[in-house]
Amino acid sequence: MGEFYFALEVLVSGLLQGFMYSLVALGFVLIIKSSGVFNFAQGAMCLFAALGFVSFWESGLNFWVALALALAMMIALAIAIERVVLRPLVARPPLILFMATVGLAFFLEGLAQAIWGTQPHGLDIGVPDLPFEGLPIDVSQFELFAAAVSMVLVGALLLFFHRTRIGRALRAVSDDHTAAMSVGISLKVIWAVTWGIAGLVALVAGIMWGTRLGVQYSLSLIVLKALAVLILGGFNSITGAVVAGLIVGGSEKLAEVYLSLFFGLGGVESFFGYLLAMVVLFWRPYGLFGDEIIERV
């Protein structure tokens, strides 16, 4: 029975961490759905958001004031990125757009260093990373809180996409840019809204991961973990980002414990998500929930 509880504890911890992976992947999905751009700078945006928030808070501002200022900063930054960097590159080959976001990632990291310096910051939002008492397994209070925040954000985005006029316009643009323009939908407005939402997602993800790992420049590397989630779930599916995050989080924790013991390997957790995504690619090249794209020539 003790072995069962231990395995359950490992699985639950992985699933809760998977929600945090989904947060980062969600920023990618939103931009890919509306504009077809793979935004490699999403990790740098999370870092920039976390640094901005912790700097506002450390200056003596109230938590909610600091959060509101960081949110306004990220929405303004995201809209500026869309307008200044990506809008002039509309209709260019996807590789050029991708390389623009790679350059943008380095620019944001350099700008963050120029504004806030290079020292790491601790971030404590008041939720202890300690297990609940009285449960048969150890479940972190912070991981549960982060999972709840992630679920609320995903639920709010799904309602926004399906219940609001702008949300339906975003879905129309995602399905067919040309058809959306033919019925009077402005791509410029839709892209600005999408990037603004991506800025919000980057702020939430930056605060959650900054609390877990500390606000430091390696925080931008969480984008690499999100790649496995995107490949597994599909690059244009919000549901896929959530489900794939849970699969990657749960499976990598179990693999770290049990495969490491069985094969005598170390660091299985760091690569198992990519291995799982590669296996799925052989079966479903567009991911578990991705839309299959058929091109006629």
Protein backbone atom coordinates (compact mmCIF):
# COMPACT_ATOMS: atom_id res chain seq x y z
CA MET A 1 0.00 0.00 0.00
CA GLY A 2 2.89 2.34 0.75
CA GLU A 3 4.26 1.79 -2.76
CA PHE A 4 0.87 2.64 -4.23
CA TYR A 5 0.64 5.91 -2.29
CA PHE A 6 4.16 6.80 -3.33
CA ALA A 7 3.37 6.23 -7.02
CA LEU A 8 0.16 8.22 -6.64
CA GLU A 9 2.07 11.06 -4.99
CA VAL A 10 4.59 11.15 -7.85
CA LEU A 11 1.80 11.12 -10.44
CA VAL A 12 -0.21 13.88 -8.77
CA SER A 13 2.89 16.06 -8.42
CA GLY A 14 3.63 15.58 -12.12
CA LEU A 15 0.06 16.36 -13.17
CA LEU A 16 0.04 19.57 -11.13
CA GLN A 17 3.35 20.63 -12.67
CA GLY A 18 1.87 19.78 -16.06
CA PHE A 19 -0.65 22.59 -15.60
CA MET A 20 2.27 25.01 -15.31
CA TYR A 21 3.74 23.63 -18.54
CA SER A 22 0.36 24.22 -20.17
CA LEU A 23 0.45 27.89 -19.15
CA VAL A 24 3.59 28.49 -21.20
CA ALA A 25 2.33 26.40 -24.14
CA LEU A 26 -0.92 28.35 -24.12
CA GLY A 27 0.88 31.55 -25.11
CA PHE A 28 2.29 29.80 -28.17
CA VAL A 29 -1.07 28.35 -29.17
CA LEU A 30 -2.90 31.69 -29.01
CA ILE A 31 -0.47 33.39 -31.40
CA ILE A 32 -0.18 30.42 -33.73
CA LYS A 33 -3.98 30.17 -34.01
CA SER A 34 -4.46 33.81 -34.97
CA SER A 35 -1.39 34.64 -37.04
CA GLY A 36 0.46 31.39 -37.75
CA VAL A 37 3.61 32.73 -36.04
CA PHE A 38 5.65 30.46 -33.78
CA ASN A 39 6.67 32.97 -31.11
CA PHE A 40 10.00 31.70 -29.78
CA ALA A 41 10.14 34.81 -27.57
CA GLN A 42 7.30 33.55 -25.34
CA GLY A 43 9.78 32.36 -22.71
CA ALA A 44 11.52 35.76 -22.74
CA MET A 45 8.11 37.40 -22.34
CA CYS A 46 7.46 35.27 -19.23
CA LEU A 47 10.84 36.35 -17.84
CA PHE A 48 10.17 40.01 -18.65
CA ALA A 49 6.75 39.83 -16.98
CA ALA A 50 8.11 38.17 -13.83
CA LEU A 51 10.95 40.70 -13.54
CA GLY A 52 8.55 43.61 -14.01
CA PHE A 53 6.11 42.30 -11.41
CA VAL A 54 8.73 41.51 -8.75
CA SER A 55 10.44 44.87 -9.31
CA PHE A 56 7.16 46.78 -8.90
CA TRP A 57 6.35 44.77 -5.77
CA GLU A 58 9.82 45.18 -4.23
CA SER A 59 9.57 48.95 -4.73
CA GLY A 60 6.89 49.01 -2.02
CA LEU A 61 3.73 48.88 -4.09
CA ASN A 62 0.72 46.86 -3.04
CA PHE A 63 0.55 43.35 -4.55
CA TRP A 64 -2.52 44.13 -6.64
CA VAL A 65 -1.14 47.48 -7.83
CA ALA A 66 2.11 45.77 -8.85
CA LEU A 67 0.11 43.09 -10.64
CA ALA A 68 -2.01 45.67 -12.48
CA LEU A 69 1.09 47.62 -13.56
CA ALA A 70 2.83 44.45 -14.74
CA LEU A 71 -0.29 43.44 -16.67
CA ALA A 72 -0.52 46.86 -18.36
CA MET A 73 3.20 46.64 -19.17
CA MET A 74 2.88 43.18 -20.75
CA ILE A 75 -0.20 44.04 -22.79
CA ALA A 76 1.53 47.18 -24.09
CA LEU A 77 4.71 45.21 -24.83
CA ALA A 78 2.85 42.44 -26.64
CA ILE A 79 0.88 44.87 -28.80
CA ALA A 80 4.07 46.80 -29.59
CA ILE A 81 5.79 43.57 -30.65
CA GLU A 82 2.94 42.75 -33.01
CA ARG A 83 2.84 46.22 -34.51
CA VAL A 84 6.56 47.05 -34.75
CA VAL A 85 8.19 43.67 -35.33
CA LEU A 86 5.69 41.29 -36.91
CA ARG A 87 3.17 43.39 -38.81
CA PRO A 88 5.81 44.60 -41.32
CA LEU A 89 6.67 40.94 -41.98
CA VAL A 90 3.13 39.84 -42.88
CA ALA A 91 3.07 37.44 -45.87
CA ARG A 92 6.79 36.68 -45.48
CA PRO A 93 7.93 33.02 -45.30
CA PRO A 94 7.34 31.37 -41.90
CA LEU A 95 11.09 30.92 -41.37
CA ILE A 96 11.62 34.70 -41.49
CA LEU A 97 8.86 35.25 -38.93
CA PHE A 98 10.32 32.55 -36.69
CA MET A 99 13.82 34.06 -36.86
CA ALA A 100 12.33 37.47 -36.03
CA THR A 101 10.93 36.02 -32.80
CA VAL A 102 14.30 34.39 -32.01
CA GLY A 103 15.94 37.80 -32.32
CA LEU A 104 13.13 39.29 -30.25
CA ALA A 105 13.84 36.81 -27.45
CA PHE A 106 17.46 37.97 -27.21
CA PHE A 107 16.38 41.61 -27.40
CA LEU A 108 13.90 41.21 -24.52
CA GLU A 109 16.47 39.49 -22.34
CA GLY A 110 18.98 42.26 -23.02
CA LEU A 111 16.37 44.95 -22.37
CA ALA A 112 15.44 43.26 -19.08
CA GLN A 113 19.09 43.25 -18.01
CA ALA A 114 19.42 46.94 -18.90
CA ILE A 115 16.32 47.86 -16.87
CA TRP A 116 16.46 45.52 -13.86
CA GLY A 117 20.02 44.19 -13.77
CA THR A 118 21.19 40.59 -13.70
CA GLN A 119 20.64 39.62 -10.06
CA PRO A 120 18.07 36.86 -9.39
CA HIS A 121 15.03 37.70 -7.26
CA GLY A 122 13.05 35.58 -4.86
CA LEU A 123 9.29 35.70 -5.33
CA ASP A 124 6.86 34.70 -2.59
CA ILE A 125 3.18 35.26 -3.35
CA GLY A 126 2.10 33.89 0.03
CA VAL A 127 1.28 30.32 -0.98
CA PRO A 128 3.70 27.91 0.74
CA ASP A 129 5.30 25.10 -1.23
CA LEU A 130 4.44 22.68 1.56
CA PRO A 131 2.18 19.61 1.62
CA PHE A 132 -1.34 19.70 3.01
CA GLU A 133 -1.62 18.05 6.38
CA GLY A 134 -3.90 15.07 6.92
CA LEU A 135 -3.71 13.67 3.37
CA PRO A 136 -2.37 10.16 2.69
CA ILE A 137 -0.04 11.64 0.04
CA ASP A 138 2.05 14.80 -0.01
CA VAL A 139 0.37 17.37 -2.26
CA SER A 140 2.02 20.78 -2.50
CA GLN A 141 -0.21 23.73 -1.64
CA PHE A 142 1.56 25.88 -4.23
CA GLU A 143 1.20 23.29 -6.98
CA LEU A 144 -2.53 23.03 -6.26
CA PHE A 145 -2.83 26.81 -6.32
CA ALA A 146 -0.91 27.05 -9.61
CA ALA A 147 -3.10 24.32 -11.13
CA ALA A 148 -6.26 26.14 -10.00
CA VAL A 149 -5.02 29.41 -11.51
CA SER A 150 -4.19 27.61 -14.75
CA MET A 151 -7.63 25.99 -14.94
CA VAL A 152 -9.39 29.29 -14.27
CA LEU A 153 -7.35 31.03 -16.97
CA VAL A 154 -7.95 28.27 -19.51
CA GLY A 155 -11.66 28.22 -18.70
CA ALA A 156 -11.89 31.99 -19.07
CA LEU A 157 -10.11 31.84 -22.44
CA LEU A 158 -12.40 29.08 -23.69
CA LEU A 159 -15.46 31.11 -22.69
CA PHE A 160 -13.94 34.16 -24.36
CA PHE A 161 -13.32 32.26 -27.60
CA HIS A 162 -16.75 30.63 -27.73
CA ARG A 163 -19.09 33.18 -26.12
CA THR A 164 -17.90 36.62 -27.18
CA ARG A 165 -18.01 38.37 -30.53
CA ILE A 166 -14.26 39.06 -30.53
CA GLY A 167 -13.62 35.46 -29.55
CA ARG A 168 -15.64 34.16 -32.48
CA ALA A 169 -13.74 36.56 -34.75
CA LEU A 170 -10.48 35.12 -33.42
CA ARG A 171 -11.68 31.62 -34.25
CA ALA A 172 -12.70 32.75 -37.74
CA VAL A 173 -9.26 34.21 -38.35
CA SER A 174 -7.72 30.99 -37.07
CA ASP A 175 -9.77 28.93 -39.55
CA ASP A 176 -9.26 31.11 -42.64
CA HIS A 177 -7.65 34.56 -42.81
CA THR A 178 -9.04 35.35 -46.24
CA ALA A 179 -12.60 34.32 -45.42
CA ALA A 180 -12.47 36.33 -42.17
CA MET A 181 -11.35 39.45 -44.04
CA SER A 182 -14.13 38.98 -46.60
CA VAL A 183 -16.79 39.37 -43.88
CA GLY A 184 -15.22 42.54 -42.46
CA ILE A 185 -12.97 41.18 -39.70
CA SER A 186 -9.84 43.30 -39.24
CA LEU A 187 -6.76 41.13 -38.99
CA LYS A 188 -4.79 43.97 -37.41
CA VAL A 189 -7.28 44.30 -34.56
CA ILE A 190 -7.48 40.54 -34.05
CA TRP A 191 -3.71 40.15 -33.97
CA ALA A 192 -3.36 43.02 -31.49
CA VAL A 193 -5.99 41.42 -29.21
CA THR A 194 -4.32 38.03 -29.47
CA TRP A 195 -0.89 39.36 -28.60
CA GLY A 196 -2.39 41.30 -25.71
CA ILE A 197 -3.91 38.07 -24.34
CA ALA A 198 -0.56 36.35 -24.87
CA GLY A 199 0.99 39.08 -22.72
CA LEU A 200 -1.51 38.27 -19.96
CA VAL A 201 -0.71 34.56 -20.21
CA ALA A 202 3.04 35.35 -20.08
CA LEU A 203 2.51 37.35 -16.88
CA VAL A 204 0.61 34.54 -15.14
CA ALA A 205 3.12 31.91 -16.28
CA GLY A 206 6.05 34.15 -15.29
CA ILE A 207 4.69 34.68 -11.78
CA MET A 208 3.95 30.98 -11.25
CA TRP A 209 7.33 29.77 -12.53
CA GLY A 210 9.14 32.68 -10.86
CA THR A 211 7.65 31.62 -7.54
CA ARG A 212 8.73 28.03 -8.10
CA LEU A 213 12.24 28.60 -9.55
CA GLY A 214 13.05 32.18 -8.59
CA VAL A 215 13.02 35.12 -10.99
CA GLN A 216 16.27 34.57 -12.87
CA TYR A 217 17.34 34.58 -16.50
CA SER A 218 17.19 30.81 -16.85
CA LEU A 219 13.42 31.27 -16.48
CA SER A 220 13.22 31.98 -20.20
CA LEU A 221 14.34 28.39 -20.89
CA ILE A 222 10.95 27.04 -19.85
CA VAL A 223 10.05 27.67 -23.48
CA LEU A 224 12.03 24.52 -24.30
CA LYS A 225 9.85 22.38 -22.05
CA ALA A 226 6.75 23.87 -23.66
CA LEU A 227 7.93 22.59 -27.06
CA ALA A 228 7.30 18.99 -26.04
CA VAL A 229 3.80 19.97 -24.89
CA LEU A 230 3.09 21.74 -28.18
CA ILE A 231 4.32 18.85 -30.31
CA LEU A 232 2.31 16.35 -28.28
CA GLY A 233 -0.94 18.32 -28.05
CA GLY A 234 -0.92 20.11 -31.40
CA PHE A 235 0.27 23.60 -32.21
CA ASN A 236 -3.18 25.13 -32.63
CA SER A 237 -5.26 23.53 -29.88
CA ILE A 238 -5.94 25.07 -26.46
CA THR A 239 -7.37 21.77 -25.24
CA GLY A 240 -4.30 20.00 -26.60
CA ALA A 241 -1.98 22.32 -24.66
CA VAL A 242 -3.74 21.45 -21.40
CA VAL A 243 -4.02 17.70 -21.98
CA ALA A 244 -0.47 17.41 -23.31
CA GLY A 245 0.85 19.40 -20.35
CA LEU A 246 -0.75 16.90 -17.99
CA ILE A 247 0.62 13.95 -19.99
CA VAL A 248 4.15 15.36 -20.08
CA GLY A 249 4.13 16.40 -16.43
CA GLY A 250 2.78 13.11 -15.13
CA SER A 251 4.81 10.81 -17.36
CA GLU A 252 8.15 12.53 -16.84
CA LYS A 253 7.81 12.35 -13.04
CA LEU A 254 6.97 8.64 -13.18
CA ALA A 255 9.79 8.04 -15.64
CA GLU A 256 12.28 9.87 -13.43
CA VAL A 257 11.43 7.63 -10.49
CA TYR A 258 10.85 4.24 -12.10
CA LEU A 259 12.93 4.27 -15.30
CA SER A 260 15.87 5.71 -13.40
CA LEU A 261 15.68 2.79 -10.98
CA PHE A 262 15.16 0.17 -13.69
CA PHE A 263 17.83 1.29 -16.18
CA GLY A 264 20.14 3.09 -13.78
CA LEU A 265 19.81 6.35 -15.70
CA GLY A 266 19.86 9.87 -14.37
CA GLY A 267 18.06 12.97 -15.54
CA VAL A 268 15.27 11.05 -17.29
CA GLU A 269 12.81 13.82 -16.41
CA SER A 270 14.73 16.34 -18.52
CA PHE A 271 14.29 14.46 -21.82
CA PHE A 272 11.35 12.08 -21.39
CA GLY A 273 8.76 14.63 -22.58
CA TYR A 274 10.64 15.06 -25.86
CA LEU A 275 10.96 11.31 -26.27
CA LEU A 276 7.21 10.93 -25.74
CA ALA A 277 6.46 13.71 -28.24
CA MET A 278 8.74 12.09 -30.83
CA VAL A 279 6.92 8.76 -30.47
CA VAL A 280 3.54 10.47 -30.91
CA LEU A 281 4.80 12.21 -34.07
CA PHE A 282 5.16 8.85 -35.80
CA TRP A 283 1.50 8.14 -35.07
CA ARG A 284 -0.04 11.62 -35.33
CA PRO A 285 2.26 14.13 -37.07
CA TYR A 286 -0.04 17.02 -36.12
CA GLY A 287 -0.29 16.09 -32.44
CA LEU A 288 -3.12 14.57 -30.44
CA PHE A 289 -5.49 17.51 -30.95
CA GLY A 290 -3.87 19.41 -33.83
CA ASP A 291 -5.70 20.06 -37.10
CA GLU A 292 -4.41 18.11 -40.04
CA ILE A 293 -3.37 20.53 -42.76
CA ILE A 294 -3.87 19.40 -46.37
CA GLU A 295 -2.12 21.52 -48.98
CA ARG A 296 -3.13 21.25 -52.61
CA VAL A 297 -0.58 22.08 -55.27
